[in-house]
């Protein structure tokens, strides 16, 4: 699709390890000292980071988790489904988009340490969104799910986990 190619070129998007394309657009100069963060963090973190994120039809962002809250913002395209398994094992699907009459939302925060994945909704050509992370994102805080391990934790969600994992 031409719009997807244009977005990739215009915003210099790169392939993301979890699927889709991304470009970091902001990383605060200020940092939070490791001593002020929960013990799970292995070093200082920037106050905040932000990226553009693009998923096209037929692609998905695999289940993963990070140690910070992640605020998703809808920009263009059609509906993006964000699937979240919280620490209690409850699955929730958020519709990120601009059709408020269909219960879509422009923003949603995925809490720290929740497993989450995303995919374009049925009949969606692409979703162009943004993600803001605080404390700022660091790949040291990123864990990509292995389907067998995630299914062992949450067998009730086996089908979506199998569909939304790359390992």
C-alpha atoms as a PDB file:
ATOM      1  CA  UNK A   1       0.000   0.000   0.000  1.00  0.00           C
ATOM      2  CA  UNK A   2       1.377   3.395  -1.007  1.00  0.00           C
ATOM      3  CA  UNK A   3       0.408   5.144   2.255  1.00  0.00           C
ATOM      4  CA  UNK A   4       2.431   2.616   4.283  1.00  0.00           C
ATOM      5  CA  UNK A   5       5.475   3.063   2.026  1.00  0.00           C
ATOM      6  CA  UNK A   6       5.136   6.845   2.301  1.00  0.00           C
ATOM      7  CA  UNK A   7       4.956   6.725   6.114  1.00  0.00           C
ATOM      8  CA  UNK A   8       8.002   4.431   6.290  1.00  0.00           C
ATOM      9  CA  UNK A   9      10.002   6.767   4.044  1.00  0.00           C
ATOM     10  CA  UNK A  10       8.746  10.094   5.452  1.00  0.00           C
ATOM     11  CA  UNK A  11       9.383   9.159   9.086  1.00  0.00           C
ATOM     12  CA  UNK A  12      12.441   6.932   8.422  1.00  0.00           C
ATOM     13  CA  UNK A  13      10.793   3.991  10.179  1.00  0.00           C
ATOM     14  CA  UNK A  14      12.839   0.871  10.896  1.00  0.00           C
ATOM     15  CA  UNK A  15      11.725  -2.749  11.435  1.00  0.00           C
ATOM     16  CA  UNK A  16      10.909  -3.404  15.099  1.00  0.00           C
ATOM     17  CA  UNK A  17      11.952  -6.729  16.758  1.00  0.00           C
ATOM     18  CA  UNK A  18       8.359  -7.342  17.917  1.00  0.00           C
ATOM     19  CA  UNK A  19       6.910  -6.638  14.434  1.00  0.00           C
ATOM     20  CA  UNK A  20       5.933  -3.495  12.551  1.00  0.00           C
ATOM     21  CA  UNK A  21       8.049  -0.378  12.083  1.00  0.00           C
ATOM     22  CA  UNK A  22       9.189   2.315  14.486  1.00  0.00           C
ATOM     23  CA  UNK A  23      11.232   5.468  14.908  1.00  0.00           C
ATOM     24  CA  UNK A  24      12.270   7.003  18.194  1.00  0.00           C
ATOM     25  CA  UNK A  25      11.161  10.644  18.161  1.00  0.00           C
ATOM     26  CA  UNK A  26      11.995  11.737  21.701  1.00  0.00           C
ATOM     27  CA  UNK A  27      14.339  10.811  24.539  1.00  0.00           C
ATOM     28  CA  UNK A  28      14.437  13.234  27.455  1.00  0.00           C
ATOM     29  CA  UNK A  29      17.807  14.599  28.493  1.00  0.00           C
ATOM     30  CA  UNK A  30      16.947  14.137  32.152  1.00  0.00           C
ATOM     31  CA  UNK A  31      17.418  10.822  33.879  1.00  0.00           C
ATOM     32  CA  UNK A  32      16.000   9.015  36.888  1.00  0.00           C
ATOM     33  CA  UNK A  33      18.743   7.519  39.033  1.00  0.00           C
ATOM     34  CA  UNK A  34      18.655   3.745  39.424  1.00  0.00           C
ATOM     35  CA  UNK A  35      18.386   4.225  43.194  1.00  0.00           C
ATOM     36  CA  UNK A  36      15.047   6.019  42.682  1.00  0.00           C
ATOM     37  CA  UNK A  37      13.611   3.248  40.464  1.00  0.00           C
ATOM     38  CA  UNK A  38      12.157  -0.131  41.417  1.00  0.00           C
ATOM     39  CA  UNK A  39      14.849  -2.772  41.951  1.00  0.00           C
ATOM     40  CA  UNK A  40      13.968  -4.489  38.640  1.00  0.00           C
ATOM     41  CA  UNK A  41      15.683  -1.663  36.704  1.00  0.00           C
ATOM     42  CA  UNK A  42      19.381  -2.257  36.042  1.00  0.00           C
ATOM     43  CA  UNK A  43      20.487   1.360  35.649  1.00  0.00           C
ATOM     44  CA  UNK A  44      19.426   4.959  35.200  1.00  0.00           C
ATOM     45  CA  UNK A  45      16.514   5.642  32.832  1.00  0.00           C
ATOM     46  CA  UNK A  46      15.504   8.740  30.910  1.00  0.00           C
ATOM     47  CA  UNK A  47      12.407  10.488  32.253  1.00  0.00           C
ATOM     48  CA  UNK A  48      10.493   9.622  29.086  1.00  0.00           C
ATOM     49  CA  UNK A  49      10.805   8.360  25.493  1.00  0.00           C
ATOM     50  CA  UNK A  50       8.457   8.392  22.500  1.00  0.00           C
ATOM     51  CA  UNK A  51       8.229   6.545  19.190  1.00  0.00           C
ATOM     52  CA  UNK A  52       6.143   6.389  16.049  1.00  0.00           C
ATOM     53  CA  UNK A  53       4.862   2.851  15.434  1.00  0.00           C
ATOM     54  CA  UNK A  54       3.306   1.452  12.252  1.00  0.00           C
ATOM     55  CA  UNK A  55       1.565  -1.867  11.702  1.00  0.00           C
ATOM     56  CA  UNK A  56       0.207  -2.838   8.327  1.00  0.00           C
ATOM     57  CA  UNK A  57      -2.436  -5.424   7.416  1.00  0.00           C
ATOM     58  CA  UNK A  58      -1.129  -8.961   7.908  1.00  0.00           C
ATOM     59  CA  UNK A  59       1.531  -7.957  10.456  1.00  0.00           C
ATOM     60  CA  UNK A  60       1.410  -7.898  14.251  1.00  0.00           C
ATOM     61  CA  UNK A  61       3.374  -6.791  17.269  1.00  0.00           C
ATOM     62  CA  UNK A  62       4.183  -9.946  19.249  1.00  0.00           C
ATOM     63  CA  UNK A  63       3.466 -10.358  22.943  1.00  0.00           C
ATOM     64  CA  UNK A  64       6.109  -8.621  24.997  1.00  0.00           C
ATOM     65  CA  UNK A  65       6.391  -6.659  28.207  1.00  0.00           C
ATOM     66  CA  UNK A  66       8.399  -3.761  29.527  1.00  0.00           C
ATOM     67  CA  UNK A  67       9.098  -2.431  33.018  1.00  0.00           C
ATOM     68  CA  UNK A  68       7.418   0.953  32.454  1.00  0.00           C
ATOM     69  CA  UNK A  69       3.940   2.238  31.682  1.00  0.00           C
ATOM     70  CA  UNK A  70       3.403   2.732  27.940  1.00  0.00           C
ATOM     71  CA  UNK A  71       0.881   5.273  26.661  1.00  0.00           C
ATOM     72  CA  UNK A  72      -0.399   4.540  23.145  1.00  0.00           C
ATOM     73  CA  UNK A  73      -1.655   7.379  20.903  1.00  0.00           C
ATOM     74  CA  UNK A  74      -3.653   6.953  17.680  1.00  0.00           C
ATOM     75  CA  UNK A  75      -2.574   9.100  14.687  1.00  0.00           C
ATOM     76  CA  UNK A  76      -3.746   7.739  11.325  1.00  0.00           C
ATOM     77  CA  UNK A  77      -5.113   4.748   9.454  1.00  0.00           C
ATOM     78  CA  UNK A  78      -7.694   2.483  11.007  1.00  0.00           C
ATOM     79  CA  UNK A  79      -8.265   0.552  14.222  1.00  0.00           C
ATOM     80  CA  UNK A  80      -5.425  -1.083  16.122  1.00  0.00           C
ATOM     81  CA  UNK A  81      -6.275  -3.832  18.602  1.00  0.00           C
ATOM     82  CA  UNK A  82      -4.040  -3.875  21.686  1.00  0.00           C
ATOM     83  CA  UNK A  83      -4.280  -7.147  23.631  1.00  0.00           C
ATOM     84  CA  UNK A  84      -3.145  -6.967  27.265  1.00  0.00           C
ATOM     85  CA  UNK A  85      -2.739  -9.793  29.782  1.00  0.00           C
ATOM     86  CA  UNK A  86      -2.409  -8.193  33.185  1.00  0.00           C
ATOM     87  CA  UNK A  87      -0.494  -9.656  36.115  1.00  0.00           C
ATOM     88  CA  UNK A  88      -3.698 -11.335  37.381  1.00  0.00           C
ATOM     89  CA  UNK A  89      -4.060 -13.138  34.014  1.00  0.00           C
ATOM     90  CA  UNK A  90      -7.036 -11.146  32.779  1.00  0.00           C
ATOM     91  CA  UNK A  91      -7.089 -10.501  29.009  1.00  0.00           C
ATOM     92  CA  UNK A  92      -8.341  -7.134  27.792  1.00  0.00           C
ATOM     93  CA  UNK A  93      -8.484  -5.873  24.202  1.00  0.00           C
ATOM     94  CA  UNK A  94      -8.440  -2.125  23.581  1.00  0.00           C
ATOM     95  CA  UNK A  95      -9.493  -0.608  20.276  1.00  0.00           C
ATOM     96  CA  UNK A  96      -7.173   2.291  19.481  1.00  0.00           C
ATOM     97  CA  UNK A  97      -8.622   4.525  16.793  1.00  0.00           C
ATOM     98  CA  UNK A  98     -10.814   7.502  15.994  1.00  0.00           C
ATOM     99  CA  UNK A  99     -14.267   5.887  15.831  1.00  0.00           C
ATOM    100  CA  UNK A 100     -15.503   6.852  19.294  1.00  0.00           C
ATOM    101  CA  UNK A 101     -18.999   5.543  18.451  1.00  0.00           C
ATOM    102  CA  UNK A 102     -17.448   2.059  18.178  1.00  0.00           C
ATOM    103  CA  UNK A 103     -15.730   2.316  21.598  1.00  0.00           C
ATOM    104  CA  UNK A 104     -12.372   3.255  20.104  1.00  0.00           C
ATOM    105  CA  UNK A 105     -10.040   5.486  22.066  1.00  0.00           C
ATOM    106  CA  UNK A 106      -7.311   7.910  21.022  1.00  0.00           C
ATOM    107  CA  UNK A 107      -5.064   6.991  23.979  1.00  0.00           C
ATOM    108  CA  UNK A 108      -4.573   4.071  26.304  1.00  0.00           C
ATOM    109  CA  UNK A 109      -1.940   3.210  28.909  1.00  0.00           C
ATOM    110  CA  UNK A 110      -0.604  -0.330  29.122  1.00  0.00           C
ATOM    111  CA  UNK A 111       0.599  -0.736  32.717  1.00  0.00           C
ATOM    112  CA  UNK A 112       4.185  -1.765  33.427  1.00  0.00           C
ATOM    113  CA  UNK A 113       4.923  -5.511  33.486  1.00  0.00           C
ATOM    114  CA  UNK A 114       1.797  -6.550  31.567  1.00  0.00           C
ATOM    115  CA  UNK A 115       2.167  -8.777  28.515  1.00  0.00           C
ATOM    116  CA  UNK A 116       0.782  -7.055  25.421  1.00  0.00           C
ATOM    117  CA  UNK A 117       0.553  -7.444  21.664  1.00  0.00           C
ATOM    118  CA  UNK A 118      -1.166  -5.522  18.904  1.00  0.00           C
ATOM    119  CA  UNK A 119      -2.610  -6.079  15.457  1.00  0.00           C
ATOM    120  CA  UNK A 120      -4.628  -4.170  12.898  1.00  0.00           C
ATOM    121  CA  UNK A 121      -8.345  -4.890  13.267  1.00  0.00           C
ATOM    122  CA  UNK A 122     -10.243  -6.725  10.525  1.00  0.00           C
ATOM    123  CA  UNK A 123     -10.458  -4.575   7.356  1.00  0.00           C
ATOM    124  CA  UNK A 124      -7.687  -2.285   8.612  1.00  0.00           C
ATOM    125  CA  UNK A 125      -5.008  -1.497   6.012  1.00  0.00           C
ATOM    126  CA  UNK A 126      -2.644   0.066   8.528  1.00  0.00           C
ATOM    127  CA  UNK A 127      -2.462   1.742  11.923  1.00  0.00           C
ATOM    128  CA  UNK A 128      -0.025   4.577  12.591  1.00  0.00           C
ATOM    129  CA  UNK A 129       0.317   5.237  16.304  1.00  0.00           C
ATOM    130  CA  UNK A 130       2.733   6.557  18.871  1.00  0.00           C
ATOM    131  CA  UNK A 131       3.983   5.180  22.164  1.00  0.00           C
ATOM    132  CA  UNK A 132       5.273   7.210  25.104  1.00  0.00           C
ATOM    133  CA  UNK A 133       7.128   5.345  27.848  1.00  0.00           C
ATOM    134  CA  UNK A 134       7.955   6.580  31.342  1.00  0.00           C
ATOM    135  CA  UNK A 135      10.450   5.873  32.831  1.00  0.00           C
ATOM    136  CA  UNK A 136      11.969   5.928  29.359  1.00  0.00           C
ATOM    137  CA  UNK A 137      12.276   2.806  27.224  1.00  0.00           C
ATOM    138  CA  UNK A 138      15.477   0.796  27.231  1.00  0.00           C
ATOM    139  CA  UNK A 139      15.866  -2.550  25.440  1.00  0.00           C
ATOM    140  CA  UNK A 140      17.258  -3.904  28.741  1.00  0.00           C
ATOM    141  CA  UNK A 141      13.650  -3.634  30.037  1.00  0.00           C
ATOM    142  CA  UNK A 142      12.100  -5.412  27.020  1.00  0.00           C
ATOM    143  CA  UNK A 143      11.113  -9.082  27.065  1.00  0.00           C
ATOM    144  CA  UNK A 144       9.687 -10.822  24.004  1.00  0.00           C
ATOM    145  CA  UNK A 145       7.360 -13.683  24.973  1.00  0.00           C
ATOM    146  CA  UNK A 146       7.982 -17.309  24.150  1.00  0.00           C
ATOM    147  CA  UNK A 147       4.604 -18.877  23.404  1.00  0.00           C
ATOM    148  CA  UNK A 148       5.207 -22.052  25.427  1.00  0.00           C
ATOM    149  CA  UNK A 149       6.220 -20.099  28.524  1.00  0.00           C
ATOM    150  CA  UNK A 150       3.330 -17.645  28.247  1.00  0.00           C
ATOM    151  CA  UNK A 151       0.811 -20.467  27.679  1.00  0.00           C
ATOM    152  CA  UNK A 152       2.145 -22.213  30.803  1.00  0.00           C
ATOM    153  CA  UNK A 153       1.344 -19.038  32.780  1.00  0.00           C
ATOM    154  CA  UNK A 154      -2.005 -18.297  31.107  1.00  0.00           C
ATOM    155  CA  UNK A 155      -3.414 -21.491  29.510  1.00  0.00           C
ATOM    156  CA  UNK A 156      -6.857 -19.880  29.288  1.00  0.00           C
ATOM    157  CA  UNK A 157      -5.440 -17.542  26.591  1.00  0.00           C
ATOM    158  CA  UNK A 158      -3.655 -20.251  24.578  1.00  0.00           C
ATOM    159  CA  UNK A 159      -5.200 -19.386  21.193  1.00  0.00           C
ATOM    160  CA  UNK A 160      -4.363 -15.688  21.173  1.00  0.00           C
ATOM    161  CA  UNK A 161      -0.900 -16.356  22.615  1.00  0.00           C
ATOM    162  CA  UNK A 162      -0.119 -18.888  19.842  1.00  0.00           C
ATOM    163  CA  UNK A 163      -1.372 -16.421  17.216  1.00  0.00           C
ATOM    164  CA  UNK A 164       0.440 -13.388  18.649  1.00  0.00           C
ATOM    165  CA  UNK A 165       3.918 -14.805  19.425  1.00  0.00           C
ATOM    166  CA  UNK A 166       6.889 -15.157  17.077  1.00  0.00           C
ATOM    167  CA  UNK A 167       8.808 -17.670  19.222  1.00  0.00           C
END
